[in-house]
Amino acid sequence: MQCVLCCLCIMLAGAFLYIESRKRYVPAVVLKGLASLCFVGIGLLCSPGTHAAKLIVCGLVVGCVADVLLNLRMVFSEKGQLIFLVGILVFLTGHILYLAAVMGMSSSLAVCIAAGAVLTALLMIWIFRRITAKTAFKVFGVVYIGAIMLLNCVAVGNLITSPSAFTAVFAAGAALFLVSDIVLILNTFGGEFRQSLRNTNISLYYAGQILIAFSLLLIGK
């Protein structure tokens, strides 16, 4: 069943990209929501019911809600900026849930936090040189990227100190999520929207969420 949901997720995400590119924003929101429900379903089916697994499933659910919110900004364009910020805040909540799930597995948390802070600073300097955005978006961006960078540092740290199928798949999913968000920021605030970058952003995002969902099959193995 998980494989069926995975294939369905990919097909719905592809249909979403096509419909969105045609500026049919209402059906695009529906398709995106359905695609995201698929990775939530994968997570629910794969979850062994442990505390960490439950946090990850909650993160998947929150991500699904955020997906809908981010695209609703195109439906309600007059409140687009506010809806975008709320969507990013909801996504941030999802990252915090993922982080809470894997922090307890870390044996080098202080090193991961330090690495996350340094890498976030370097990445944001690089991003700010390439985008134009209001101060509120920049502040949200620093906090948001900081959270997902810390998540990646903890995930990679866990993979190094406690290599397993779970830590490898989860770290890969988190990395794809980070790259997806970087592409999204550059495409949204970089001055020129490119459909190719949108396709890359969405493809990496769903690949990352699917990997995180499937990683639940591997906890404790």
Protein backbone atom coordinates (compact mmCIF):
# COMPACT_ATOMS: atom_id res chain seq x y z
CA MET A 1 0.00 0.00 0.00
CA GLN A 2 2.88 2.36 0.79
CA CYS A 3 4.27 1.91 -2.73
CA VAL A 4 0.84 2.65 -4.22
CA LEU A 5 0.66 5.88 -2.20
CA CYS A 6 4.19 6.78 -3.29
CA CYS A 7 3.31 6.40 -6.96
CA LEU A 8 0.06 8.30 -6.45
CA CYS A 9 1.93 11.10 -4.68
CA ILE A 10 4.34 11.46 -7.60
CA MET A 11 1.51 11.51 -10.16
CA LEU A 12 -0.54 14.05 -8.20
CA ALA A 13 2.52 16.26 -7.69
CA GLY A 14 3.19 16.17 -11.44
CA ALA A 15 -0.44 17.05 -12.19
CA PHE A 16 -0.24 19.86 -9.65
CA LEU A 17 2.80 21.37 -11.36
CA TYR A 18 1.07 21.25 -14.74
CA ILE A 19 -2.20 22.77 -13.50
CA GLU A 20 -0.39 25.45 -11.50
CA SER A 21 1.70 26.40 -14.53
CA ARG A 22 -1.61 26.98 -16.37
CA LYS A 23 -2.57 29.41 -13.55
CA ARG A 24 -5.54 27.29 -12.47
CA TYR A 25 -4.84 27.90 -8.82
CA VAL A 26 -7.93 26.41 -7.16
CA PRO A 27 -7.60 22.90 -8.65
CA ALA A 28 -3.83 23.22 -8.12
CA VAL A 29 -4.38 23.62 -4.37
CA VAL A 30 -6.60 20.53 -4.35
CA LEU A 31 -4.03 18.45 -6.24
CA LYS A 32 -1.20 19.59 -3.99
CA GLY A 33 -3.19 18.79 -0.88
CA LEU A 34 -3.99 15.31 -2.19
CA ALA A 35 -0.34 14.71 -3.08
CA SER A 36 0.69 15.70 0.42
CA LEU A 37 -1.96 13.49 1.99
CA CYS A 38 -0.21 10.60 0.26
CA PHE A 39 3.06 11.09 2.16
CA VAL A 40 1.05 11.48 5.37
CA GLY A 41 -0.58 8.13 4.57
CA ILE A 42 2.82 6.54 3.97
CA GLY A 43 4.00 7.83 7.33
CA LEU A 44 0.95 6.49 9.14
CA LEU A 45 1.32 3.06 7.53
CA CYS A 46 5.07 2.89 8.21
CA SER A 47 5.02 4.23 11.78
CA PRO A 48 5.86 1.71 14.51
CA GLY A 49 4.10 3.93 17.05
CA THR A 50 7.16 4.98 19.06
CA HIS A 51 7.43 8.51 20.48
CA ALA A 52 9.92 9.59 17.79
CA ALA A 53 7.77 8.05 15.05
CA LYS A 54 4.68 9.88 16.30
CA LEU A 55 6.56 13.20 16.21
CA ILE A 56 7.65 12.52 12.62
CA VAL A 57 4.09 11.65 11.59
CA CYS A 58 2.90 14.90 13.19
CA GLY A 59 5.59 16.71 11.19
CA LEU A 60 4.26 15.14 8.00
CA VAL A 61 0.71 16.24 8.84
CA VAL A 62 1.86 19.79 9.56
CA GLY A 63 3.78 19.79 6.27
CA CYS A 64 0.61 18.81 4.44
CA VAL A 65 -1.25 21.75 5.99
CA ALA A 66 1.60 24.11 5.10
CA ASP A 67 1.56 22.89 1.50
CA VAL A 68 -2.05 23.97 1.12
CA LEU A 69 -1.41 27.31 2.81
CA LEU A 70 1.52 28.19 0.56
CA ASN A 71 -0.60 27.69 -2.53
CA LEU A 72 -3.63 29.47 -1.13
CA ARG A 73 -1.60 32.67 -1.43
CA MET A 74 -2.14 32.40 -5.17
CA VAL A 75 -5.89 31.91 -4.75
CA PHE A 76 -6.24 34.86 -2.36
CA SER A 77 -3.61 37.09 -3.91
CA GLU A 78 -4.70 40.20 -1.98
CA LYS A 79 -3.51 38.50 1.22
CA GLY A 80 -0.74 36.55 -0.45
CA GLN A 81 2.16 37.80 1.67
CA LEU A 82 0.38 37.12 4.96
CA ILE A 83 -0.68 33.64 3.85
CA PHE A 84 2.89 32.92 2.69
CA LEU A 85 4.32 33.93 6.08
CA VAL A 86 1.75 31.80 7.91
CA GLY A 87 2.60 28.87 5.64
CA ILE A 88 6.30 29.25 6.39
CA LEU A 89 5.51 29.43 10.12
CA VAL A 90 3.54 26.18 9.87
CA PHE A 91 6.41 24.55 7.97
CA LEU A 92 8.75 25.74 10.73
CA THR A 93 6.56 23.89 13.23
CA GLY A 94 6.96 20.74 11.14
CA HIS A 95 10.76 21.10 11.16
CA ILE A 96 10.71 21.52 14.94
CA LEU A 97 8.69 18.31 15.26
CA TYR A 98 11.22 16.45 13.08
CA LEU A 99 14.04 17.97 15.13
CA ALA A 100 12.41 16.90 18.39
CA ALA A 101 12.14 13.36 17.01
CA VAL A 102 15.85 13.00 16.23
CA MET A 103 17.50 15.20 18.87
CA GLY A 104 17.08 12.48 21.48
CA MET A 105 19.14 10.16 19.29
CA SER A 106 22.06 12.62 19.12
CA SER A 107 25.27 12.01 21.06
CA SER A 108 26.92 15.23 19.82
CA LEU A 109 24.14 17.81 20.11
CA ALA A 110 26.41 20.73 21.07
CA VAL A 111 28.59 20.17 17.99
CA CYS A 112 25.49 19.93 15.77
CA ILE A 113 24.08 23.19 17.16
CA ALA A 114 27.38 24.99 16.59
CA ALA A 115 27.65 23.62 13.06
CA GLY A 116 24.05 24.57 12.34
CA ALA A 117 24.62 28.17 13.47
CA VAL A 118 27.76 28.60 11.35
CA LEU A 119 26.27 26.96 8.24
CA THR A 120 23.06 28.97 8.59
CA ALA A 121 25.02 32.23 8.73
CA LEU A 122 27.08 31.31 5.66
CA LEU A 123 24.04 30.14 3.71
CA MET A 124 21.95 33.22 4.53
CA ILE A 125 24.81 35.54 3.49
CA TRP A 126 24.91 33.71 0.17
CA ILE A 127 21.11 33.83 -0.24
CA PHE A 128 20.73 37.51 0.71
CA ARG A 129 23.17 38.45 -2.04
CA ARG A 130 20.82 36.86 -4.57
CA ILE A 131 17.36 37.93 -3.43
CA THR A 132 15.31 41.03 -2.74
CA ALA A 133 12.79 40.71 0.08
CA LYS A 134 11.16 42.72 2.84
CA THR A 135 12.67 42.66 6.32
CA ALA A 136 9.89 40.45 7.70
CA PHE A 137 10.58 37.81 5.06
CA LYS A 138 14.32 37.98 5.77
CA VAL A 139 13.78 37.51 9.50
CA PHE A 140 11.45 34.56 8.87
CA GLY A 141 13.99 33.22 6.41
CA VAL A 142 16.84 33.24 8.92
CA VAL A 143 14.76 31.47 11.58
CA TYR A 144 13.31 29.00 9.08
CA ILE A 145 16.60 28.10 7.39
CA GLY A 146 18.26 27.97 10.80
CA ALA A 147 15.77 25.35 11.96
CA ILE A 148 16.08 23.12 8.91
CA MET A 149 19.88 23.52 8.87
CA LEU A 150 20.00 22.42 12.51
CA LEU A 151 17.75 19.49 11.60
CA ASN A 152 20.18 18.51 8.87
CA CYS A 153 23.20 18.83 11.15
CA VAL A 154 21.56 16.63 13.79
CA ALA A 155 20.45 14.11 11.14
CA VAL A 156 23.95 13.91 9.63
CA GLY A 157 25.48 13.77 13.11
CA ASN A 158 23.24 10.82 13.95
CA LEU A 159 24.23 9.13 10.71
CA ILE A 160 27.93 9.53 11.53
CA THR A 161 27.75 8.47 15.18
CA SER A 162 24.97 5.86 14.85
CA PRO A 163 24.88 4.68 11.23
CA SER A 164 21.73 2.76 10.36
CA ALA A 165 19.17 2.47 7.60
CA PHE A 166 16.89 4.89 9.47
CA THR A 167 19.51 7.59 10.04
CA ALA A 168 20.65 7.33 6.40
CA VAL A 169 17.18 7.61 4.87
CA PHE A 170 16.04 10.34 7.27
CA ALA A 171 19.20 12.38 6.65
CA ALA A 172 18.72 12.06 2.88
CA GLY A 173 15.11 13.25 3.21
CA ALA A 174 16.10 16.20 5.37
CA ALA A 175 18.85 17.19 2.90
CA LEU A 176 16.43 17.14 -0.03
CA PHE A 177 14.00 19.26 2.01
CA LEU A 178 16.75 21.84 2.66
CA VAL A 179 17.79 22.07 -0.99
CA SER A 180 14.13 22.34 -2.00
CA ASP A 181 13.64 25.29 0.35
CA ILE A 182 16.73 27.05 -0.96
CA VAL A 183 15.43 26.70 -4.51
CA LEU A 184 12.01 27.97 -3.40
CA ILE A 185 13.53 31.07 -1.78
CA LEU A 186 15.70 31.89 -4.78
CA ASN A 187 12.81 31.39 -7.20
CA THR A 188 10.32 33.39 -5.11
CA PHE A 189 12.55 36.33 -4.17
CA GLY A 190 15.27 36.19 -6.81
CA GLY A 191 13.59 38.66 -9.15
CA GLU A 192 12.60 36.24 -11.91
CA PHE A 193 10.29 33.26 -11.52
CA ARG A 194 11.37 30.18 -13.48
CA GLN A 195 9.09 27.22 -14.01
CA SER A 196 12.13 24.93 -14.20
CA LEU A 197 13.12 25.97 -10.67
CA ARG A 198 9.53 25.48 -9.50
CA ASN A 199 9.60 21.96 -10.91
CA THR A 200 12.92 21.33 -9.13
CA ASN A 201 11.62 22.76 -5.85
CA ILE A 202 8.47 20.61 -5.82
CA SER A 203 10.24 17.45 -7.01
CA LEU A 204 12.92 17.69 -4.30
CA TYR A 205 10.32 18.54 -1.67
CA TYR A 206 8.11 15.53 -2.32
CA ALA A 207 11.13 13.24 -2.63
CA GLY A 208 12.32 14.48 0.76
CA GLN A 209 8.96 14.05 2.48
CA ILE A 210 8.51 10.57 0.98
CA LEU A 211 11.95 9.51 2.26
CA ILE A 212 11.20 10.87 5.72
CA ALA A 213 7.88 8.99 5.71
CA PHE A 214 9.50 5.72 4.58
CA SER A 215 12.29 6.13 7.16
CA LEU A 216 9.70 5.21 9.80
CA LEU A 217 9.83 1.63 8.55
CA LEU A 218 13.47 1.53 9.58
CA ILE A 219 13.47 2.96 13.12
CA GLY A 220 15.29 0.56 15.42
CA LYS A 221 16.69 -1.54 12.58
